[in-house]
Amino acid sequence: MDLIKEPLVIIGAGGLGLMALALLKLMDGNAAVLIEPDPVKRKVALQMGAIGAFDPAAVADGSATAGLGDGAAAVLDFVGSPASIAQGVTMLRKGGRLIMVGMYGGELSLPIPTLVLRAISLEGSYVGSLAQMRELMALVKRKGIPEIPIVPRPLSEINDAIAQMREGGVVGRTVLQP
């Protein structure tokens, strides 16, 4: 299955979530539905081409994936909390994949019959392979670097930058400058 051509959900519109959305567009993939509690980040995701951006508290009824037919082929979870993973599972179609990137932490409790009967796969992803890095570099060479919001900050503000990132207050990526 070529996941970039399938309906996708991205959970979390931090720097990595927005980068995934930008890369999906760069790869000529189908746009994704984005799940994010911060309204500013949801607006940015829509400006970047998301086909929908929803507050996780408002989509327990399945409305976020209503336009995706039987559900998402894959959910990319850049949060990694028990709640985001559980919500991601509900958004998958039969045979779907939940790819966990975020490491918010906690313990995971899911009904095993749901995973088995719906043939759902759970995957963790921390780093890619050398072959994947080469593929990414070739893509960037052909099409350019995908654009995401960049927040430049002086190196002297590193502690504030880290605190803001931990609080989820950064839209895009923070770049520290000497």
N, C-alpha and C. Protein backbone atom coordinates (compact mmCIF):
# COMPACT_ATOMS: atom_id res chain seq x y z
N MET A 1 0.85 -1.18 0.00
CA MET A 1 0.00 0.00 0.00
C MET A 1 0.89 1.24 0.00
N ASP A 2 0.64 2.15 -0.92
CA ASP A 2 1.36 3.41 -1.00
C ASP A 2 0.64 4.41 -0.12
N LEU A 3 1.12 4.56 1.13
CA LEU A 3 0.38 5.36 2.11
C LEU A 3 0.20 6.81 1.70
N ILE A 4 1.14 7.39 0.94
CA ILE A 4 0.97 8.81 0.61
C ILE A 4 -0.21 9.05 -0.32
N LYS A 5 -0.68 8.02 -0.99
CA LYS A 5 -1.84 8.16 -1.87
C LYS A 5 -3.15 7.79 -1.17
N GLU A 6 -3.07 7.41 0.08
CA GLU A 6 -4.23 6.97 0.85
C GLU A 6 -4.66 8.07 1.83
N PRO A 7 -5.88 7.99 2.34
CA PRO A 7 -6.33 8.96 3.34
C PRO A 7 -5.54 8.81 4.64
N LEU A 8 -4.98 9.93 5.12
CA LEU A 8 -4.15 9.92 6.32
C LEU A 8 -4.68 10.88 7.36
N VAL A 9 -4.34 10.60 8.61
CA VAL A 9 -4.61 11.52 9.72
C VAL A 9 -3.27 11.79 10.39
N ILE A 10 -3.02 13.05 10.69
CA ILE A 10 -1.83 13.45 11.44
C ILE A 10 -2.33 13.99 12.78
N ILE A 11 -1.83 13.42 13.86
CA ILE A 11 -2.18 13.90 15.20
C ILE A 11 -1.00 14.71 15.71
N GLY A 12 -1.24 15.98 15.97
CA GLY A 12 -0.21 16.88 16.49
C GLY A 12 0.35 17.78 15.40
N ALA A 13 0.20 19.08 15.58
CA ALA A 13 0.70 20.05 14.60
C ALA A 13 1.87 20.83 15.16
N GLY A 14 2.75 20.13 15.87
CA GLY A 14 4.01 20.75 16.27
C GLY A 14 4.94 20.75 15.07
N GLY A 15 6.21 20.96 15.31
CA GLY A 15 7.18 21.00 14.21
C GLY A 15 7.19 19.75 13.36
N LEU A 16 7.17 18.58 13.99
CA LEU A 16 7.22 17.32 13.23
C LEU A 16 5.92 17.06 12.49
N GLY A 17 4.79 17.34 13.12
CA GLY A 17 3.51 17.14 12.46
C GLY A 17 3.36 18.03 11.23
N LEU A 18 3.77 19.30 11.36
CA LEU A 18 3.70 20.21 10.21
C LEU A 18 4.71 19.80 9.14
N MET A 19 5.87 19.28 9.55
CA MET A 19 6.85 18.80 8.57
C MET A 19 6.29 17.60 7.81
N ALA A 20 5.60 16.70 8.52
CA ALA A 20 4.99 15.55 7.85
C ALA A 20 3.95 16.02 6.83
N LEU A 21 3.15 17.01 7.20
CA LEU A 21 2.15 17.56 6.28
C LEU A 21 2.83 18.17 5.06
N ALA A 22 3.90 18.92 5.27
CA ALA A 22 4.63 19.54 4.16
C ALA A 22 5.28 18.49 3.26
N LEU A 23 5.86 17.45 3.86
CA LEU A 23 6.49 16.40 3.06
C LEU A 23 5.44 15.62 2.26
N LEU A 24 4.29 15.39 2.85
CA LEU A 24 3.21 14.70 2.14
C LEU A 24 2.85 15.48 0.87
N LYS A 25 2.74 16.78 1.00
CA LYS A 25 2.43 17.64 -0.15
C LYS A 25 3.56 17.58 -1.18
N LEU A 26 4.80 17.64 -0.70
CA LEU A 26 5.97 17.60 -1.58
C LEU A 26 6.03 16.28 -2.35
N MET A 27 5.55 15.21 -1.73
CA MET A 27 5.57 13.88 -2.36
C MET A 27 4.33 13.63 -3.22
N ASP A 28 3.54 14.68 -3.45
CA ASP A 28 2.31 14.58 -4.25
C ASP A 28 1.32 13.59 -3.65
N GLY A 29 1.31 13.52 -2.34
CA GLY A 29 0.38 12.63 -1.66
C GLY A 29 -0.97 13.29 -1.46
N ASN A 30 -1.92 12.50 -1.04
CA ASN A 30 -3.22 13.05 -0.66
C ASN A 30 -3.01 13.91 0.58
N ALA A 31 -3.78 14.94 0.70
CA ALA A 31 -3.69 15.77 1.90
C ALA A 31 -4.20 14.98 3.10
N ALA A 32 -3.86 15.44 4.27
CA ALA A 32 -4.23 14.74 5.49
C ALA A 32 -5.20 15.56 6.32
N VAL A 33 -5.94 14.87 7.15
CA VAL A 33 -6.73 15.50 8.20
C VAL A 33 -5.79 15.65 9.39
N LEU A 34 -5.84 16.80 10.04
CA LEU A 34 -4.95 17.06 11.16
C LEU A 34 -5.75 17.22 12.45
N ILE A 35 -5.27 16.63 13.53
CA ILE A 35 -5.91 16.71 14.84
C ILE A 35 -4.97 17.47 15.77
N GLU A 36 -5.45 18.59 16.33
CA GLU A 36 -4.59 19.47 17.13
C GLU A 36 -5.48 20.34 18.04
N PRO A 37 -5.17 20.41 19.34
CA PRO A 37 -5.99 21.24 20.22
C PRO A 37 -5.80 22.75 20.04
N ASP A 38 -4.64 23.18 19.58
CA ASP A 38 -4.34 24.62 19.47
C ASP A 38 -4.96 25.20 18.19
N PRO A 39 -5.89 26.16 18.32
CA PRO A 39 -6.54 26.72 17.14
C PRO A 39 -5.57 27.43 16.19
N VAL A 40 -4.52 28.03 16.71
CA VAL A 40 -3.53 28.70 15.84
C VAL A 40 -2.82 27.67 14.97
N LYS A 41 -2.43 26.55 15.57
CA LYS A 41 -1.76 25.50 14.81
C LYS A 41 -2.71 24.85 13.80
N ARG A 42 -3.98 24.71 14.16
CA ARG A 42 -4.96 24.17 13.21
C ARG A 42 -5.08 25.09 12.00
N LYS A 43 -5.10 26.39 12.23
CA LYS A 43 -5.20 27.36 11.14
C LYS A 43 -3.97 27.26 10.23
N VAL A 44 -2.79 27.15 10.82
CA VAL A 44 -1.56 27.00 10.03
C VAL A 44 -1.62 25.72 9.20
N ALA A 45 -2.09 24.63 9.80
CA ALA A 45 -2.19 23.36 9.07
C ALA A 45 -3.11 23.49 7.86
N LEU A 46 -4.22 24.18 8.02
CA LEU A 46 -5.14 24.40 6.89
C LEU A 46 -4.47 25.24 5.80
N GLN A 47 -3.71 26.26 6.22
CA GLN A 47 -2.99 27.09 5.26
C GLN A 47 -1.93 26.28 4.52
N MET A 48 -1.41 25.24 5.17
CA MET A 48 -0.39 24.39 4.56
C MET A 48 -0.99 23.26 3.72
N GLY A 49 -2.31 23.18 3.66
CA GLY A 49 -2.93 22.20 2.77
C GLY A 49 -3.66 21.05 3.42
N ALA A 50 -3.79 21.04 4.75
CA ALA A 50 -4.59 19.98 5.38
C ALA A 50 -6.02 20.08 4.87
N ILE A 51 -6.66 18.94 4.65
CA ILE A 51 -8.05 18.97 4.15
C ILE A 51 -9.04 19.18 5.29
N GLY A 52 -8.56 19.11 6.50
CA GLY A 52 -9.38 19.38 7.67
C GLY A 52 -8.47 19.49 8.87
N ALA A 53 -8.86 20.28 9.85
CA ALA A 53 -8.08 20.42 11.08
C ALA A 53 -9.08 20.51 12.23
N PHE A 54 -8.97 19.60 13.17
CA PHE A 54 -9.98 19.46 14.21
C PHE A 54 -9.36 19.43 15.59
N ASP A 55 -10.12 19.93 16.56
CA ASP A 55 -9.76 19.82 17.96
C ASP A 55 -10.04 18.38 18.39
N PRO A 56 -9.10 17.72 19.06
CA PRO A 56 -9.34 16.32 19.43
C PRO A 56 -10.57 16.14 20.33
N ALA A 57 -10.90 17.15 21.11
CA ALA A 57 -12.06 17.05 22.00
C ALA A 57 -13.37 17.09 21.22
N ALA A 58 -13.33 17.59 20.00
CA ALA A 58 -14.56 17.77 19.23
C ALA A 58 -14.80 16.67 18.20
N VAL A 59 -13.94 15.67 18.15
CA VAL A 59 -14.07 14.67 17.09
C VAL A 59 -14.26 13.25 17.61
N ALA A 60 -14.70 13.12 18.84
CA ALA A 60 -14.92 11.78 19.39
C ALA A 60 -16.02 11.04 18.62
N ASP A 61 -16.85 11.78 17.91
CA ASP A 61 -17.96 11.17 17.16
C ASP A 61 -17.55 10.67 15.78
N GLY A 62 -16.28 10.80 15.42
CA GLY A 62 -15.81 10.33 14.12
C GLY A 62 -15.94 11.36 13.02
N SER A 63 -16.34 12.58 13.33
CA SER A 63 -16.55 13.60 12.30
C SER A 63 -15.27 13.97 11.57
N ALA A 64 -14.11 13.83 12.20
CA ALA A 64 -12.85 14.20 11.55
C ALA A 64 -12.56 13.33 10.35
N THR A 65 -12.97 12.08 10.41
CA THR A 65 -12.68 11.16 9.30
C THR A 65 -13.89 10.90 8.42
N ALA A 66 -14.94 11.70 8.58
CA ALA A 66 -16.16 11.50 7.79
C ALA A 66 -15.90 11.56 6.30
N GLY A 67 -14.97 12.39 5.86
CA GLY A 67 -14.67 12.52 4.44
C GLY A 67 -13.65 11.51 3.94
N LEU A 68 -13.23 10.59 4.79
CA LEU A 68 -12.19 9.63 4.41
C LEU A 68 -12.77 8.25 4.11
N GLY A 69 -14.01 8.17 3.77
CA GLY A 69 -14.60 6.88 3.44
C GLY A 69 -14.68 5.98 4.65
N ASP A 70 -14.00 4.84 4.57
CA ASP A 70 -14.02 3.86 5.66
C ASP A 70 -13.08 4.22 6.80
N GLY A 71 -12.42 5.36 6.72
CA GLY A 71 -11.46 5.76 7.74
C GLY A 71 -10.09 5.94 7.14
N ALA A 72 -9.15 6.26 7.97
CA ALA A 72 -7.79 6.54 7.52
C ALA A 72 -7.02 5.24 7.28
N ALA A 73 -6.22 5.23 6.22
CA ALA A 73 -5.33 4.10 5.98
C ALA A 73 -4.22 4.09 7.02
N ALA A 74 -3.84 5.29 7.46
CA ALA A 74 -2.80 5.40 8.48
C ALA A 74 -3.04 6.65 9.32
N VAL A 75 -2.62 6.55 10.56
CA VAL A 75 -2.60 7.69 11.48
C VAL A 75 -1.16 7.85 11.92
N LEU A 76 -0.63 9.06 11.73
CA LEU A 76 0.71 9.39 12.20
C LEU A 76 0.54 10.19 13.48
N ASP A 77 0.95 9.61 14.60
CA ASP A 77 0.74 10.25 15.90
C ASP A 77 2.05 10.88 16.37
N PHE A 78 2.09 12.22 16.31
CA PHE A 78 3.28 12.95 16.74
C PHE A 78 3.16 13.43 18.18
N VAL A 79 2.13 12.97 18.89
CA VAL A 79 1.95 13.30 20.30
C VAL A 79 2.43 12.14 21.16
N GLY A 80 1.82 10.98 20.97
CA GLY A 80 2.25 9.79 21.70
C GLY A 80 1.72 9.72 23.12
N SER A 81 0.53 10.23 23.34
CA SER A 81 -0.11 10.09 24.66
C SER A 81 -1.12 8.95 24.58
N PRO A 82 -1.49 8.39 25.73
CA PRO A 82 -2.52 7.35 25.69
C PRO A 82 -3.80 7.81 24.98
N ALA A 83 -4.21 9.06 25.21
CA ALA A 83 -5.43 9.57 24.58
C ALA A 83 -5.28 9.72 23.07
N SER A 84 -4.12 10.21 22.62
CA SER A 84 -3.94 10.41 21.17
C SER A 84 -3.87 9.07 20.44
N ILE A 85 -3.23 8.09 21.06
CA ILE A 85 -3.13 6.77 20.44
C ILE A 85 -4.51 6.10 20.38
N ALA A 86 -5.25 6.17 21.48
CA ALA A 86 -6.60 5.59 21.49
C ALA A 86 -7.48 6.27 20.45
N GLN A 87 -7.39 7.59 20.34
CA GLN A 87 -8.18 8.29 19.34
C GLN A 87 -7.75 7.90 17.94
N GLY A 88 -6.45 7.77 17.74
CA GLY A 88 -5.94 7.37 16.43
C GLY A 88 -6.48 6.02 15.99
N VAL A 89 -6.56 5.07 16.91
CA VAL A 89 -7.09 3.73 16.59
C VAL A 89 -8.53 3.84 16.10
N THR A 90 -9.32 4.71 16.71
CA THR A 90 -10.73 4.84 16.30
C THR A 90 -10.87 5.44 14.90
N MET A 91 -9.85 6.12 14.42
CA MET A 91 -9.92 6.78 13.11
C MET A 91 -9.46 5.88 11.96
N LEU A 92 -8.90 4.73 12.29
CA LEU A 92 -8.36 3.84 11.26
C LEU A 92 -9.44 2.99 10.62
N ARG A 93 -9.25 2.72 9.34
CA ARG A 93 -10.13 1.76 8.68
C ARG A 93 -9.58 0.35 8.96
N LYS A 94 -10.31 -0.64 8.58
CA LYS A 94 -9.85 -2.02 8.74
C LYS A 94 -8.53 -2.19 7.98
N GLY A 95 -7.55 -2.78 8.65
CA GLY A 95 -6.23 -2.97 8.04
C GLY A 95 -5.34 -1.74 8.14
N GLY A 96 -5.78 -0.73 8.88
CA GLY A 96 -5.01 0.52 8.99
C GLY A 96 -3.79 0.40 9.89
N ARG A 97 -2.92 1.39 9.77
CA ARG A 97 -1.67 1.42 10.55
C ARG A 97 -1.62 2.68 11.40
N LEU A 98 -1.28 2.51 12.67
CA LEU A 98 -1.03 3.64 13.56
C LEU A 98 0.47 3.70 13.77
N ILE A 99 1.07 4.80 13.34
CA ILE A 99 2.52 4.96 13.46
C ILE A 99 2.78 6.00 14.54
N MET A 100 3.39 5.55 15.63
CA MET A 100 3.63 6.40 16.79
C MET A 100 5.04 6.98 16.71
N VAL A 101 5.10 8.30 16.67
CA VAL A 101 6.38 9.01 16.63
C VAL A 101 6.58 9.78 17.93
N GLY A 102 5.53 10.44 18.39
CA GLY A 102 5.61 11.23 19.62
C GLY A 102 5.82 10.35 20.84
N MET A 103 6.49 10.92 21.83
CA MET A 103 6.79 10.15 23.05
C MET A 103 6.35 10.92 24.30
N TYR A 104 5.12 11.40 24.28
CA TYR A 104 4.58 12.10 25.44
C TYR A 104 4.69 11.21 26.67
N GLY A 105 4.39 9.94 26.50
CA GLY A 105 4.56 8.98 27.58
C GLY A 105 3.25 8.50 28.17
N GLY A 106 3.37 7.62 29.13
CA GLY A 106 2.20 7.04 29.77
C GLY A 106 2.08 5.57 29.43
N GLU A 107 1.00 5.00 29.86
CA GLU A 107 0.72 3.59 29.62
C GLU A 107 -0.41 3.48 28.61
N LEU A 108 -0.33 2.46 27.77
CA LEU A 108 -1.32 2.27 26.72
C LEU A 108 -2.24 1.11 27.08
N SER A 109 -3.54 1.35 26.99
CA SER A 109 -4.53 0.31 27.23
C SER A 109 -5.54 0.35 26.09
N LEU A 110 -5.52 -0.68 25.27
CA LEU A 110 -6.44 -0.77 24.14
C LEU A 110 -7.16 -2.11 24.17
N PRO A 111 -8.42 -2.14 23.73
CA PRO A 111 -9.11 -3.42 23.67
C PRO A 111 -8.50 -4.30 22.58
N ILE A 112 -7.96 -5.42 22.97
CA ILE A 112 -7.28 -6.32 22.03
C ILE A 112 -8.19 -6.78 20.90
N PRO A 113 -9.46 -7.13 21.16
CA PRO A 113 -10.31 -7.54 20.04
C PRO A 113 -10.41 -6.48 18.94
N THR A 114 -10.39 -5.20 19.30
CA THR A 114 -10.44 -4.14 18.28
C THR A 114 -9.27 -4.25 17.33
N LEU A 115 -8.08 -4.45 17.89
CA LEU A 115 -6.88 -4.55 17.05
C LEU A 115 -6.94 -5.78 16.16
N VAL A 116 -7.36 -6.90 16.73
CA VAL A 116 -7.38 -8.16 15.99
C VAL A 116 -8.48 -8.17 14.94
N LEU A 117 -9.70 -7.85 15.33
CA LEU A 117 -10.84 -7.92 14.41
C LEU A 117 -10.74 -6.91 13.28
N ARG A 118 -10.11 -5.78 13.54
CA ARG A 118 -9.96 -4.76 12.50
C ARG A 118 -8.59 -4.82 11.82
N ALA A 119 -7.78 -5.81 12.18
CA ALA A 119 -6.46 -6.02 11.57
C ALA A 119 -5.62 -4.75 11.60
N ILE A 120 -5.60 -4.09 12.75
CA ILE A 120 -4.87 -2.82 12.90
C ILE A 120 -3.44 -3.11 13.34
N SER A 121 -2.51 -2.39 12.73
CA SER A 121 -1.09 -2.51 13.08
C SER A 121 -0.66 -1.28 13.87
N LEU A 122 0.11 -1.51 14.93
CA LEU A 122 0.71 -0.43 15.70
C LEU A 122 2.21 -0.47 15.45
N GLU A 123 2.79 0.68 15.11
CA GLU A 123 4.22 0.75 14.84
C GLU A 123 4.82 1.92 15.60
N GLY A 124 6.03 1.74 16.08
CA GLY A 124 6.78 2.85 16.64
C GLY A 124 7.83 3.28 15.63
N SER A 125 8.09 4.57 15.57
CA SER A 125 9.09 5.08 14.63
C SER A 125 9.90 6.16 15.32
N TYR A 126 11.18 5.90 15.49
CA TYR A 126 12.06 6.88 16.15
C TYR A 126 13.00 7.53 15.15
N VAL A 127 13.67 6.72 14.37
CA VAL A 127 14.55 7.24 13.31
C VAL A 127 14.35 6.38 12.07
N GLY A 128 14.62 6.96 10.93
CA GLY A 128 14.52 6.23 9.69
C GLY A 128 15.82 5.51 9.36
N SER A 129 15.80 4.79 8.28
CA SER A 129 16.98 4.06 7.82
C SER A 129 17.84 4.96 6.93
N LEU A 130 19.03 4.50 6.63
CA LEU A 130 19.91 5.22 5.71
C LEU A 130 19.25 5.32 4.33
N ALA A 131 18.60 4.26 3.90
CA ALA A 131 17.92 4.29 2.60
C ALA A 131 16.80 5.33 2.59
N GLN A 132 16.07 5.45 3.69
CA GLN A 132 15.01 6.46 3.77
C GLN A 132 15.60 7.87 3.75
N MET A 133 16.73 8.07 4.40
CA MET A 133 17.39 9.38 4.38
C MET A 133 17.84 9.73 2.97
N ARG A 134 18.37 8.76 2.26
CA ARG A 134 18.77 9.00 0.87
C ARG A 134 17.56 9.37 0.01
N GLU A 135 16.46 8.66 0.23
CA GLU A 135 15.23 8.95 -0.51
C GLU A 135 14.74 10.38 -0.20
N LEU A 136 14.80 10.76 1.06
CA LEU A 136 14.40 12.11 1.46
C LEU A 136 15.30 13.17 0.83
N MET A 137 16.60 12.94 0.84
CA MET A 137 17.54 13.90 0.25
C MET A 137 17.34 14.02 -1.26
N ALA A 138 17.05 12.91 -1.91
CA ALA A 138 16.78 12.94 -3.36
C ALA A 138 15.50 13.74 -3.63
N LEU A 139 14.49 13.57 -2.79
CA LEU A 139 13.25 14.32 -2.94
C LEU A 139 13.51 15.82 -2.78
N VAL A 140 14.26 16.18 -1.76
CA VAL A 140 14.58 17.60 -1.52
C VAL A 140 15.40 18.17 -2.67
N LYS A 141 16.30 17.37 -3.20
CA LYS A 141 17.11 17.83 -4.34
C LYS A 141 16.23 18.10 -5.56
N ARG A 142 15.23 17.24 -5.78
CA ARG A 142 14.33 17.40 -6.93
C ARG A 142 13.32 18.52 -6.73
N LYS A 143 12.76 18.64 -5.54
CA LYS A 143 11.61 19.52 -5.34
C LYS A 143 11.82 20.66 -4.37
N GLY A 144 12.96 20.69 -3.70
CA GLY A 144 13.21 21.76 -2.74
C GLY A 144 12.83 21.36 -1.32
N ILE A 145 13.18 22.23 -0.40
CA ILE A 145 12.91 21.98 1.01
C ILE A 145 11.47 22.38 1.31
N PRO A 146 10.72 21.49 1.95
CA PRO A 146 9.34 21.85 2.28
C PRO A 146 9.30 23.00 3.29
N GLU A 147 8.34 23.88 3.12
CA GLU A 147 8.25 25.04 3.99
C GLU A 147 7.36 24.75 5.19
N ILE A 148 7.89 25.07 6.36
CA ILE A 148 7.10 25.07 7.58
C ILE A 148 7.45 26.35 8.32
N PRO A 149 6.61 26.78 9.24
CA PRO A 149 6.95 27.99 9.99
C PRO A 149 8.23 27.80 10.80
N ILE A 150 9.08 28.80 10.75
CA ILE A 150 10.34 28.80 11.51
C ILE A 150 10.31 29.98 12.47
N VAL A 151 10.67 29.72 13.73
CA VAL A 151 10.73 30.76 14.75
C VAL A 151 12.19 30.92 15.15
N PRO A 152 12.89 31.95 14.62
CA PRO A 152 14.29 32.16 15.01
C PRO A 152 14.37 32.79 16.40
N ARG A 153 15.32 32.29 17.20
CA ARG A 153 15.54 32.85 18.54
C ARG A 153 17.03 32.88 18.81
N PRO A 154 17.49 33.87 19.57
CA PRO A 154 18.91 33.90 19.92
C PRO A 154 19.26 32.74 20.86
N LEU A 155 20.46 32.25 20.72
CA LEU A 155 20.93 31.13 21.54
C LEU A 155 20.81 31.45 23.03
N SER A 156 20.93 32.71 23.38
CA SER A 156 20.84 33.12 24.79
C SER A 156 19.45 32.83 25.38
N GLU A 157 18.45 32.58 24.53
CA GLU A 157 17.09 32.29 25.00
C GLU A 157 16.77 30.80 24.97
N ILE A 158 17.81 29.97 24.99
CA ILE A 158 17.60 28.53 24.84
C ILE A 158 16.66 27.96 25.90
N ASN A 159 16.81 28.38 27.15
CA ASN A 159 15.95 27.84 28.21
C ASN A 159 14.48 28.22 27.99
N ASP A 160 14.25 29.47 27.59
CA ASP A 160 12.88 29.90 27.29
C ASP A 160 12.33 29.15 26.09
N ALA A 161 13.17 28.93 25.09
CA ALA A 161 12.74 28.21 23.88
C ALA A 161 12.33 26.78 24.22
N ILE A 162 13.12 26.12 25.06
CA ILE A 162 12.80 24.74 25.47
C ILE A 162 11.51 24.72 26.28
N ALA A 163 11.35 25.67 27.19
CA ALA A 163 10.12 25.73 27.99
C ALA A 163 8.90 25.95 27.10
N GLN A 164 9.02 26.86 26.13
CA GLN A 164 7.91 27.13 25.22
C GLN A 164 7.57 25.89 24.39
N MET A 165 8.60 25.16 23.97
CA MET A 165 8.38 23.94 23.20
C MET A 165 7.66 22.89 24.05
N ARG A 166 8.11 22.72 25.29
CA ARG A 166 7.48 21.73 26.18
C ARG A 166 6.01 22.05 26.44
N GLU A 167 5.69 23.34 26.47
CA GLU A 167 4.31 23.78 26.71
C GLU A 167 3.46 23.72 25.44
N GLY A 168 4.08 23.38 24.31
CA GLY A 168 3.35 23.32 23.05
C GLY A 168 3.08 24.68 22.44
N GLY A 169 3.86 25.68 22.84
CA GLY A 169 3.62 27.04 22.39
C GLY A 169 4.34 27.46 21.13
N VAL A 170 5.04 26.55 20.48
CA VAL A 170 5.78 26.89 19.26
C VAL A 170 4.96 26.45 18.04
N VAL A 171 4.79 27.35 17.10
CA VAL A 171 4.13 27.00 15.84
C VAL A 171 5.25 26.76 14.83
N GLY A 172 5.47 25.51 14.46
CA GLY A 172 6.56 25.16 13.55
C GLY A 172 7.79 24.73 14.33
N ARG A 173 8.95 25.18 13.87
CA ARG A 173 10.22 24.80 14.48
C ARG A 173 10.95 26.03 14.99
N THR A 174 11.55 25.89 16.15
CA THR A 174 12.41 26.94 16.68
C THR A 174 13.82 26.69 16.18
N VAL A 175 14.47 27.73 15.69
CA VAL A 175 15.86 27.65 15.26
C VAL A 175 16.66 28.61 16.11
N LEU A 176 17.60 28.06 16.88
CA LEU A 176 18.46 28.89 17.72
C LEU A 176 19.60 29.45 16.90
N GLN A 177 19.85 30.74 17.07
CA GLN A 177 20.91 31.40 16.32
C GLN A 177 21.96 31.95 17.28
N PRO A 178 23.24 31.83 16.91
CA PRO A 178 24.31 32.34 17.78
C PRO A 178 24.26 33.86 17.91
